[in-house]
Structure formats: C-alpha cells, structure tokens
Amino acid sequence: MGIQIENKLMFLHQAWPSGAIITTAALRAKGFSDQLIQKYCYSGWLKRIETGAFVRQHDRVIWQGALHAIQHDLKKSIHIGGLTALSLSGLAHYLDVSLEENIYLYNTSSTKVKLPHWFQYFSKEIVFTYKQCHLFNEELGLKMRTLEGLNIIVSEPERAILEVLYLVPAVISVEHAANLVENLQTIRPKLMQSLLEECRHILVKRLFLCLADLSQLPVLRHLKINKIALGSGDRTVNPGGKYFPKYKLILAYDDSSDEEGMNV
C-alpha cells in the first residue's frame, strides 16, 4: 500500500465521527478520487449504503449520522424541530403514539433545500416529516446537541413550539398543540420575544399567544406584545370554531374558562 493511500485511509478514520454518513461530495472535497473511493469499497474500508453515501467499516447505519452529514458536510440548513425537538427536551409528554417514530425536520430559511436522494435509505423504518417553511426572518433558537455521539443542530423549545403550531390543524390538532403549550412553563422570555418578533407567520404568532394565555404561561407577563406584528383582521384555524376576540382568532378549542379572563 502506498504512503499516500495509507495517509488517506488514516484521514478517513479521523475526519468523521463514528456513525456519521460520509458523502461522495465530502470525500471528493478532501481529495479522494472516484477510483480511490471504489478501491476502499472493494477493500471493505467503506460500505456504500446508497448512491453517494457511505459508512466506514463496522460503523452503525443511523439516521442521525445522515443528518450530521447533511448539516456539516453538505452545509444544508436542515434541522430537527417541532415535536421531535420538544421530545428531545422532555417537553412532549403528550406526544401521540402514532408520532413516536416520526422525525420532524425543518428548513425555515428562505432557500429551498431538498433532502438528498440517499436519505430515503432511512425511511424504511422511520417516518420523516420534512417541512420547508420560511418562518423566521432571522435564524434564532437553534443549538447543537449530541445525539448518538454526533453533533446535530436542533430547535430549542421556544422555536420548536412555533414550528409545531405551523402544522396546526393539518397535521397536529389544536388540543394536542394546547397540551404542548401548557407544558412550556419555563420557556425563556427573551428568546421567545425575539422569535415572535422575527416570525413571519401571523397565524402562528396569534395561536401561540392565545394558547399561552389560556394556559396562563408565566412567559406572557414578560412579553412586549406591542413589539410583535400581529397583522389586522380575523384569522381562522378551524372554520366554525370558537372566536377569541382578543386575538381575532377562530379555533376549535374546548376550554371551560372564559376568554374574558385572559391576562395579556
């Protein structure tokens, strides 16, 4: 074996963390020729899982490793958000049984991004819900978390709940969303304020404020509502639902309390 190939092989084992998917594009960027990639596959040092995607010998094939490659190697603005992010933070106790193996991925930047074709390899056992929605003017409320030993970008709870509300009622019911909001007793006012100010979706903002008010979340005492653009005119979540005049919002929500008692 030549010295150059030995050095490449050593680099292959050092440059990517265990479990991470290695893409053809990333290998080429590091100076690996197609011939060398093919040689490593024949020699068993690389295992091809799909066209354009590999794992190293003895590495587990995990979806977190695929997302790591998408975020770090391909530099795509795709992150774990919504219900999955809340669950990872221990704030999705009301998660539906049917959603336990549904991983929510979001791209909320202004640039449309497709999941790589090879990502379909992981959809055999896990359902991925991928949403492209330009929710925020600024990318706030994201943090790095360690999942399966890999650094993955995940929404913080304050951002995740707004990503959840974007899916109401088409994917997530108002009742489910209300239960999730009620569980957010310790969310941070400063970050929540910034996210609401930068959120581009009027209905999402009104829905959060309305459900937070019904749940009497402590964060509401600290929010400066006059700095949050809430638009004009009525908005409808569920046609034929209850009208909440404070937020000019129509939604089907069964709550025994009187909206007159809302304290924002």
C-alpha atoms as a PDB file:
ATOM      1  CA  MET A   1       0.000   0.000   0.000  1.00  0.00           C
ATOM      2  CA  GLY A   2       1.393   3.394  -0.962  1.00  0.00           C
ATOM      3  CA  ILE A   3       2.120   6.063   1.624  1.00  0.00           C
ATOM      4  CA  GLN A   4      -0.463   8.384   0.060  1.00  0.00           C
ATOM      5  CA  ILE A   5      -3.186   5.745   0.289  1.00  0.00           C
ATOM      6  CA  GLU A   6      -2.178   4.948   3.872  1.00  0.00           C
ATOM      7  CA  ASN A   7      -2.457   8.646   4.736  1.00  0.00           C
ATOM      8  CA  LYS A   8      -5.851   8.844   3.064  1.00  0.00           C
ATOM      9  CA  LEU A   9      -7.040   5.812   4.998  1.00  0.00           C
ATOM     10  CA  MET A  10      -5.839   7.319   8.270  1.00  0.00           C
ATOM     11  CA  PHE A  11      -7.582  10.586   7.398  1.00  0.00           C
ATOM     12  CA  LEU A  12     -10.771   8.659   6.579  1.00  0.00           C
ATOM     13  CA  HIS A  13     -10.852   7.280  10.122  1.00  0.00           C
ATOM     14  CA  GLN A  14     -10.050  10.603  11.755  1.00  0.00           C
ATOM     15  CA  ALA A  15     -12.052  13.150   9.781  1.00  0.00           C
ATOM     16  CA  TRP A  16     -15.547  11.839  10.509  1.00  0.00           C
ATOM     17  CA  PRO A  17     -17.003  10.841  13.887  1.00  0.00           C
ATOM     18  CA  SER A  18     -18.231   7.297  14.388  1.00  0.00           C
ATOM     19  CA  GLY A  19     -21.697   6.795  12.930  1.00  0.00           C
ATOM     20  CA  ALA A  20     -21.541   9.738  10.543  1.00  0.00           C
ATOM     21  CA  ILE A  21     -22.523   9.193   6.937  1.00  0.00           C
ATOM     22  CA  ILE A  22     -19.739  10.067   4.519  1.00  0.00           C
ATOM     23  CA  THR A  23     -20.882  11.525   1.206  1.00  0.00           C
ATOM     24  CA  THR A  24     -19.175  11.284  -2.146  1.00  0.00           C
ATOM     25  CA  ALA A  25     -19.117  15.074  -2.294  1.00  0.00           C
ATOM     26  CA  ALA A  26     -17.319  15.289   1.061  1.00  0.00           C
ATOM     27  CA  LEU A  27     -14.779  12.642   0.064  1.00  0.00           C
ATOM     28  CA  ARG A  28     -14.034  14.397  -3.213  1.00  0.00           C
ATOM     29  CA  ALA A  29     -13.637  17.706  -1.371  1.00  0.00           C
ATOM     30  CA  LYS A  30     -10.989  16.027   0.817  1.00  0.00           C
ATOM     31  CA  GLY A  31      -9.045  14.823  -2.226  1.00  0.00           C
ATOM     32  CA  PHE A  32     -10.413  11.291  -2.630  1.00  0.00           C
ATOM     33  CA  SER A  33     -10.689  10.281  -6.272  1.00  0.00           C
ATOM     34  CA  ASP A  34     -13.597   8.162  -7.506  1.00  0.00           C
ATOM     35  CA  GLN A  35     -11.100   5.352  -8.138  1.00  0.00           C
ATOM     36  CA  LEU A  36      -9.822   5.509  -4.544  1.00  0.00           C
ATOM     37  CA  ILE A  37     -13.385   5.560  -3.181  1.00  0.00           C
ATOM     38  CA  GLN A  38     -14.158   2.481  -5.255  1.00  0.00           C
ATOM     39  CA  LYS A  39     -10.955   0.785  -4.024  1.00  0.00           C
ATOM     40  CA  TYR A  40     -11.924   1.432  -0.409  1.00  0.00           C
ATOM     41  CA  CYS A  41     -15.337  -0.098  -1.055  1.00  0.00           C
ATOM     42  CA  TYR A  42     -13.820  -3.225  -2.602  1.00  0.00           C
ATOM     43  CA  SER A  43     -11.345  -3.471   0.279  1.00  0.00           C
ATOM     44  CA  GLY A  44     -14.112  -3.189   2.866  1.00  0.00           C
ATOM     45  CA  TRP A  45     -12.955   0.067   4.452  1.00  0.00           C
ATOM     46  CA  LEU A  46     -16.059   1.828   3.145  1.00  0.00           C
ATOM     47  CA  LYS A  47     -19.583   0.475   2.835  1.00  0.00           C
ATOM     48  CA  ARG A  48     -21.910   2.046   0.295  1.00  0.00           C
ATOM     49  CA  ILE A  49     -25.450   2.340   1.675  1.00  0.00           C
ATOM     50  CA  GLU A  50     -26.904   4.275  -1.244  1.00  0.00           C
ATOM     51  CA  THR A  51     -25.546   6.102  -4.257  1.00  0.00           C
ATOM     52  CA  GLY A  52     -23.414   8.928  -2.911  1.00  0.00           C
ATOM     53  CA  ALA A  53     -23.444   7.831   0.744  1.00  0.00           C
ATOM     54  CA  PHE A  54     -21.078   5.601   2.713  1.00  0.00           C
ATOM     55  CA  VAL A  55     -20.247   4.479   6.224  1.00  0.00           C
ATOM     56  CA  ARG A  56     -16.902   3.250   7.446  1.00  0.00           C
ATOM     57  CA  GLN A  57     -16.250  -0.390   8.205  1.00  0.00           C
ATOM     58  CA  HIS A  58     -18.104  -1.505  11.384  1.00  0.00           C
ATOM     59  CA  ASP A  59     -19.948   1.831  11.777  1.00  0.00           C
ATOM     60  CA  ARG A  60     -23.659   1.646  12.550  1.00  0.00           C
ATOM     61  CA  VAL A  61     -26.021   2.996   9.914  1.00  0.00           C
ATOM     62  CA  ILE A  62     -28.163   5.543  11.775  1.00  0.00           C
ATOM     63  CA  TRP A  63     -30.347   8.432  10.621  1.00  0.00           C
ATOM     64  CA  GLN A  64     -28.556  10.805  12.998  1.00  0.00           C
ATOM     65  CA  GLY A  65     -25.403  10.067  11.018  1.00  0.00           C
ATOM     66  CA  ALA A  66     -27.196  11.042   7.837  1.00  0.00           C
ATOM     67  CA  LEU A  67     -28.430  14.318   9.309  1.00  0.00           C
ATOM     68  CA  HIS A  68     -24.928  15.037  10.581  1.00  0.00           C
ATOM     69  CA  ALA A  69     -23.643  14.721   7.007  1.00  0.00           C
ATOM     70  CA  ILE A  70     -26.408  16.965   5.681  1.00  0.00           C
ATOM     71  CA  GLN A  71     -25.648  19.664   8.248  1.00  0.00           C
ATOM     72  CA  HIS A  72     -21.862  19.505   8.496  1.00  0.00           C
ATOM     73  CA  ASP A  73     -20.609  18.111   5.177  1.00  0.00           C
ATOM     74  CA  LEU A  74     -23.242  19.345   2.742  1.00  0.00           C
ATOM     75  CA  LYS A  75     -23.885  22.560   4.765  1.00  0.00           C
ATOM     76  CA  LYS A  76     -27.655  22.349   4.285  1.00  0.00           C
ATOM     77  CA  SER A  77     -29.958  24.365   6.549  1.00  0.00           C
ATOM     78  CA  ILE A  78     -31.996  21.376   7.739  1.00  0.00           C
ATOM     79  CA  HIS A  79     -32.502  20.787  11.450  1.00  0.00           C
ATOM     80  CA  ILE A  80     -34.549  18.740  13.913  1.00  0.00           C
ATOM     81  CA  GLY A  81     -37.536  20.791  15.003  1.00  0.00           C
ATOM     82  CA  GLY A  82     -41.149  20.794  16.108  1.00  0.00           C
ATOM     83  CA  LEU A  83     -42.417  17.763  18.005  1.00  0.00           C
ATOM     84  CA  THR A  84     -39.113  15.914  17.791  1.00  0.00           C
ATOM     85  CA  ALA A  85     -37.196  18.840  19.276  1.00  0.00           C
ATOM     86  CA  LEU A  86     -39.728  19.167  22.105  1.00  0.00           C
ATOM     87  CA  SER A  87     -39.481  15.437  22.763  1.00  0.00           C
ATOM     88  CA  LEU A  88     -35.681  15.625  22.946  1.00  0.00           C
ATOM     89  CA  SER A  89     -36.074  18.386  25.557  1.00  0.00           C
ATOM     90  CA  GLY A  90     -38.520  16.280  27.573  1.00  0.00           C
ATOM     91  CA  LEU A  91     -41.402  18.613  26.752  1.00  0.00           C
ATOM     92  CA  ALA A  92     -43.599  16.364  24.607  1.00  0.00           C
ATOM     93  CA  HIS A  93     -45.294  14.216  27.217  1.00  0.00           C
ATOM     94  CA  TYR A  94     -48.472  14.425  25.160  1.00  0.00           C
ATOM     95  CA  LEU A  95     -46.794  13.073  22.039  1.00  0.00           C
ATOM     96  CA  ASP A  96     -49.206  10.894  20.074  1.00  0.00           C
ATOM     97  CA  VAL A  97     -48.305   7.192  19.924  1.00  0.00           C
ATOM     98  CA  SER A  98     -48.633   7.369  16.127  1.00  0.00           C
ATOM     99  CA  LEU A  99     -45.885  10.018  16.021  1.00  0.00           C
ATOM    100  CA  GLU A 100     -43.287   8.195  18.118  1.00  0.00           C
ATOM    101  CA  GLU A 101     -41.283   7.149  15.061  1.00  0.00           C
ATOM    102  CA  ASN A 102     -41.955  10.329  13.099  1.00  0.00           C
ATOM    103  CA  ILE A 103     -38.902  12.581  12.988  1.00  0.00           C
ATOM    104  CA  TYR A 104     -39.689  16.216  12.203  1.00  0.00           C
ATOM    105  CA  LEU A 105     -37.122  18.037  10.092  1.00  0.00           C
ATOM    106  CA  TYR A 106     -37.394  21.687   9.109  1.00  0.00           C
ATOM    107  CA  ASN A 107     -35.771  24.128   6.748  1.00  0.00           C
ATOM    108  CA  THR A 108     -37.103  27.551   7.638  1.00  0.00           C
ATOM    109  CA  SER A 109     -34.589  29.554   5.629  1.00  0.00           C
ATOM    110  CA  SER A 110     -35.629  31.469   2.524  1.00  0.00           C
ATOM    111  CA  THR A 111     -33.711  28.991   0.341  1.00  0.00           C
ATOM    112  CA  LYS A 112     -35.460  25.767  -0.652  1.00  0.00           C
ATOM    113  CA  VAL A 113     -33.377  22.698   0.133  1.00  0.00           C
ATOM    114  CA  LYS A 114     -34.116  19.113  -0.916  1.00  0.00           C
ATOM    115  CA  LEU A 115     -33.190  16.115   1.180  1.00  0.00           C
ATOM    116  CA  PRO A 116     -30.521  14.084  -0.618  1.00  0.00           C
ATOM    117  CA  HIS A 117     -31.880  11.093  -2.517  1.00  0.00           C
ATOM    118  CA  TRP A 118     -29.825   8.724  -0.370  1.00  0.00           C
ATOM    119  CA  PHE A 119     -31.690   9.911   2.740  1.00  0.00           C
ATOM    120  CA  GLN A 120     -34.550   7.638   1.615  1.00  0.00           C
ATOM    121  CA  TYR A 121     -32.479   4.718   2.922  1.00  0.00           C
ATOM    122  CA  PHE A 122     -33.582   5.661   6.431  1.00  0.00           C
ATOM    123  CA  SER A 123     -37.299   5.912   5.626  1.00  0.00           C
ATOM    124  CA  LYS A 124     -37.688   2.122   5.696  1.00  0.00           C
ATOM    125  CA  GLU A 125     -38.277   2.076   9.451  1.00  0.00           C
ATOM    126  CA  ILE A 126     -38.698   5.738  10.402  1.00  0.00           C
ATOM    127  CA  VAL A 127     -41.141   8.292   9.048  1.00  0.00           C
ATOM    128  CA  PHE A 128     -39.610  11.677   8.311  1.00  0.00           C
ATOM    129  CA  THR A 129     -41.803  14.748   8.066  1.00  0.00           C
ATOM    130  CA  TYR A 130     -39.803  17.425   6.268  1.00  0.00           C
ATOM    131  CA  LYS A 131     -41.179  20.948   6.125  1.00  0.00           C
ATOM    132  CA  GLN A 132     -39.800  23.832   4.131  1.00  0.00           C
ATOM    133  CA  CYS A 133     -41.346  26.956   5.587  1.00  0.00           C
ATOM    134  CA  HIS A 134     -39.794  30.401   5.757  1.00  0.00           C
ATOM    135  CA  LEU A 135     -40.978  31.011   9.318  1.00  0.00           C
ATOM    136  CA  PHE A 136     -38.384  33.479  10.572  1.00  0.00           C
ATOM    137  CA  ASN A 137     -36.552  36.499   9.252  1.00  0.00           C
ATOM    138  CA  GLU A 138     -33.526  35.530  11.346  1.00  0.00           C
ATOM    139  CA  GLU A 139     -32.313  32.045  12.255  1.00  0.00           C
ATOM    140  CA  LEU A 140     -32.789  32.091  16.025  1.00  0.00           C
ATOM    141  CA  GLY A 141     -33.362  29.430  18.640  1.00  0.00           C
ATOM    142  CA  LEU A 142     -31.122  26.689  17.244  1.00  0.00           C
ATOM    143  CA  LYS A 143     -28.496  24.840  19.263  1.00  0.00           C
ATOM    144  CA  MET A 144     -26.077  21.959  18.881  1.00  0.00           C
ATOM    145  CA  ARG A 145     -26.995  18.765  20.712  1.00  0.00           C
ATOM    146  CA  THR A 146     -25.166  15.470  20.967  1.00  0.00           C
ATOM    147  CA  LEU A 147     -27.296  12.633  19.612  1.00  0.00           C
ATOM    148  CA  GLU A 148     -25.792   9.167  19.316  1.00  0.00           C
ATOM    149  CA  GLY A 149     -22.399  10.767  19.819  1.00  0.00           C
ATOM    150  CA  LEU A 150     -22.908  13.204  16.925  1.00  0.00           C
ATOM    151  CA  ASN A 151     -23.319  16.986  16.987  1.00  0.00           C
ATOM    152  CA  ILE A 152     -26.742  17.760  15.492  1.00  0.00           C
ATOM    153  CA  ILE A 153     -28.497  21.125  15.153  1.00  0.00           C
ATOM    154  CA  VAL A 154     -31.859  21.087  16.963  1.00  0.00           C
ATOM    155  CA  SER A 155     -34.532  23.708  17.662  1.00  0.00           C
ATOM    156  CA  GLU A 156     -34.745  24.976  21.199  1.00  0.00           C
ATOM    157  CA  PRO A 157     -38.206  24.656  22.826  1.00  0.00           C
ATOM    158  CA  GLU A 158     -39.152  28.290  22.175  1.00  0.00           C
ATOM    159  CA  ARG A 159     -38.612  27.842  18.453  1.00  0.00           C
ATOM    160  CA  ALA A 160     -39.898  24.272  18.347  1.00  0.00           C
ATOM    161  CA  ILE A 161     -43.356  25.211  19.618  1.00  0.00           C
ATOM    162  CA  LEU A 162     -43.777  27.760  16.812  1.00  0.00           C
ATOM    163  CA  GLU A 163     -42.731  25.082  14.323  1.00  0.00           C
ATOM    164  CA  VAL A 164     -45.374  22.804  15.861  1.00  0.00           C
ATOM    165  CA  LEU A 165     -48.072  25.478  15.570  1.00  0.00           C
ATOM    166  CA  TYR A 166     -47.238  25.909  11.880  1.00  0.00           C
ATOM    167  CA  LEU A 167     -48.663  22.381  11.399  1.00  0.00           C
ATOM    168  CA  VAL A 168     -51.979  23.104  13.161  1.00  0.00           C
ATOM    169  CA  PRO A 169     -54.559  21.856  12.254  1.00  0.00           C
ATOM    170  CA  ALA A 170     -53.427  19.991   9.104  1.00  0.00           C
ATOM    171  CA  VAL A 171     -51.014  17.662  10.929  1.00  0.00           C
ATOM    172  CA  ILE A 172     -51.413  18.460  14.637  1.00  0.00           C
ATOM    173  CA  SER A 173     -54.719  19.092  16.399  1.00  0.00           C
ATOM    174  CA  VAL A 174     -55.438  22.235  18.395  1.00  0.00           C
ATOM    175  CA  GLU A 175     -55.930  20.102  21.518  1.00  0.00           C
ATOM    176  CA  HIS A 176     -52.543  18.450  21.109  1.00  0.00           C
ATOM    177  CA  ALA A 177     -50.880  21.804  20.497  1.00  0.00           C
ATOM    178  CA  ALA A 178     -52.609  23.294  23.558  1.00  0.00           C
ATOM    179  CA  ASN A 179     -51.285  20.480  25.750  1.00  0.00           C
ATOM    180  CA  LEU A 180     -47.777  21.077  24.441  1.00  0.00           C
ATOM    181  CA  VAL A 181     -48.011  24.826  25.055  1.00  0.00           C
ATOM    182  CA  GLU A 182     -49.293  24.243  28.583  1.00  0.00           C
ATOM    183  CA  ASN A 183     -46.167  22.215  29.315  1.00  0.00           C
ATOM    184  CA  LEU A 184     -43.842  25.121  28.477  1.00  0.00           C
ATOM    185  CA  GLN A 185     -43.817  26.653  31.943  1.00  0.00           C
ATOM    186  CA  THR A 186     -40.132  27.534  31.926  1.00  0.00           C
ATOM    187  CA  ILE A 187     -39.510  28.907  28.427  1.00  0.00           C
ATOM    188  CA  ARG A 188     -37.276  31.973  28.288  1.00  0.00           C
ATOM    189  CA  PRO A 189     -38.975  35.344  27.735  1.00  0.00           C
ATOM    190  CA  LYS A 190     -36.050  36.981  25.934  1.00  0.00           C
ATOM    191  CA  LEU A 191     -35.708  34.240  23.311  1.00  0.00           C
ATOM    192  CA  MET A 192     -39.480  33.886  22.952  1.00  0.00           C
ATOM    193  CA  GLN A 193     -39.790  37.639  22.392  1.00  0.00           C
ATOM    194  CA  SER A 194     -37.101  37.586  19.696  1.00  0.00           C
ATOM    195  CA  LEU A 195     -38.657  34.605  17.931  1.00  0.00           C
ATOM    196  CA  LEU A 196     -42.129  36.137  17.941  1.00  0.00           C
ATOM    197  CA  GLU A 197     -40.765  39.408  16.588  1.00  0.00           C
ATOM    198  CA  GLU A 198     -38.876  37.590  13.817  1.00  0.00           C
ATOM    199  CA  CYS A 199     -41.670  35.113  12.996  1.00  0.00           C
ATOM    200  CA  ARG A 200     -43.198  35.839   9.591  1.00  0.00           C
ATOM    201  CA  HIS A 201     -46.405  33.838  10.117  1.00  0.00           C
ATOM    202  CA  ILE A 202     -49.213  35.905  11.673  1.00  0.00           C
ATOM    203  CA  LEU A 203     -51.464  32.923  12.422  1.00  0.00           C
ATOM    204  CA  VAL A 204     -48.678  31.047  14.232  1.00  0.00           C
ATOM    205  CA  LYS A 205     -47.967  34.049  16.468  1.00  0.00           C
ATOM    206  CA  ARG A 206     -51.609  34.654  17.315  1.00  0.00           C
ATOM    207  CA  LEU A 207     -52.165  30.966  18.018  1.00  0.00           C
ATOM    208  CA  PHE A 208     -49.198  30.790  20.363  1.00  0.00           C
ATOM    209  CA  LEU A 209     -50.313  33.866  22.299  1.00  0.00           C
ATOM    210  CA  CYS A 210     -53.892  32.635  22.535  1.00  0.00           C
ATOM    211  CA  LEU A 211     -52.960  29.139  23.751  1.00  0.00           C
ATOM    212  CA  ALA A 212     -50.325  30.540  26.090  1.00  0.00           C
ATOM    213  CA  ASP A 213     -52.929  32.902  27.521  1.00  0.00           C
ATOM    214  CA  LEU A 214     -55.412  30.078  28.044  1.00  0.00           C
ATOM    215  CA  SER A 215     -52.668  28.126  29.818  1.00  0.00           C
ATOM    216  CA  GLN A 216     -51.563  31.215  31.782  1.00  0.00           C
ATOM    217  CA  LEU A 217     -47.928  30.672  30.884  1.00  0.00           C
ATOM    218  CA  PRO A 218     -45.556  32.744  33.052  1.00  0.00           C
ATOM    219  CA  VAL A 219     -43.720  33.947  29.944  1.00  0.00           C
ATOM    220  CA  LEU A 220     -46.681  36.145  28.986  1.00  0.00           C
ATOM    221  CA  ARG A 221     -46.006  38.506  31.887  1.00  0.00           C
ATOM    222  CA  HIS A 222     -42.680  39.395  30.301  1.00  0.00           C
ATOM    223  CA  LEU A 223     -43.556  39.614  26.603  1.00  0.00           C
ATOM    224  CA  LYS A 224     -43.880  43.026  24.961  1.00  0.00           C
ATOM    225  CA  ILE A 225     -46.881  42.304  22.756  1.00  0.00           C
ATOM    226  CA  ASN A 226     -46.823  45.782  21.198  1.00  0.00           C
ATOM    227  CA  LYS A 227     -43.485  44.920  19.558  1.00  0.00           C
ATOM    228  CA  ILE A 228     -44.875  41.780  17.890  1.00  0.00           C
ATOM    229  CA  ALA A 229     -46.507  42.312  14.479  1.00  0.00           C
ATOM    230  CA  LEU A 230     -49.866  40.536  14.645  1.00  0.00           C
ATOM    231  CA  GLY A 231     -51.462  41.883  11.477  1.00  0.00           C
ATOM    232  CA  SER A 232     -55.069  43.004  11.124  1.00  0.00           C
ATOM    233  CA  GLY A 233     -58.355  41.269  10.516  1.00  0.00           C
ATOM    234  CA  ASP A 234     -59.506  37.873  11.708  1.00  0.00           C
ATOM    235  CA  ARG A 235     -57.579  34.638  11.258  1.00  0.00           C
ATOM    236  CA  THR A 236     -59.091  31.149  11.206  1.00  0.00           C
ATOM    237  CA  VAL A 237     -57.539  27.922  12.434  1.00  0.00           C
ATOM    238  CA  ASN A 238     -60.736  25.840  12.385  1.00  0.00           C
ATOM    239  CA  PRO A 239     -63.776  27.100  10.422  1.00  0.00           C
ATOM    240  CA  GLY A 240     -66.796  27.080  12.688  1.00  0.00           C
ATOM    241  CA  GLY A 241     -64.670  27.160  15.826  1.00  0.00           C
ATOM    242  CA  LYS A 242     -64.808  29.479  18.814  1.00  0.00           C
ATOM    243  CA  TYR A 243     -63.936  33.145  18.304  1.00  0.00           C
ATOM    244  CA  PHE A 244     -61.315  34.650  20.603  1.00  0.00           C
ATOM    245  CA  PRO A 245     -61.736  38.402  20.078  1.00  0.00           C
ATOM    246  CA  LYS A 246     -58.563  39.350  21.967  1.00  0.00           C
ATOM    247  CA  TYR A 247     -56.509  37.680  19.244  1.00  0.00           C
ATOM    248  CA  LYS A 248     -59.073  37.908  16.412  1.00  0.00           C
ATOM    249  CA  LEU A 249     -58.729  34.167  16.116  1.00  0.00           C
ATOM    250  CA  ILE A 250     -61.208  31.404  15.318  1.00  0.00           C
ATOM    251  CA  LEU A 251     -60.271  27.938  16.536  1.00  0.00           C
ATOM    252  CA  ALA A 252     -61.987  24.796  17.768  1.00  0.00           C
ATOM    253  CA  TYR A 253     -60.884  24.633  21.368  1.00  0.00           C
ATOM    254  CA  ASP A 254     -62.894  23.159  24.214  1.00  0.00           C
ATOM    255  CA  ASP A 255     -61.970  25.147  27.290  1.00  0.00           C
ATOM    256  CA  SER A 256     -64.182  25.837  30.291  1.00  0.00           C
ATOM    257  CA  SER A 257     -62.524  29.149  31.105  1.00  0.00           C
ATOM    258  CA  ASP A 258     -63.918  32.417  29.789  1.00  0.00           C
ATOM    259  CA  GLU A 259     -61.689  34.243  27.325  1.00  0.00           C
ATOM    260  CA  GLU A 260     -62.606  37.415  29.232  1.00  0.00           C
ATOM    261  CA  GLY A 261     -60.161  36.173  31.868  1.00  0.00           C
ATOM    262  CA  MET A 262     -57.186  36.273  29.509  1.00  0.00           C
ATOM    263  CA  ASN A 263     -54.473  38.240  31.204  1.00  0.00           C
ATOM    264  CA  VAL A 264     -52.203  39.553  28.440  1.00  0.00           C
END
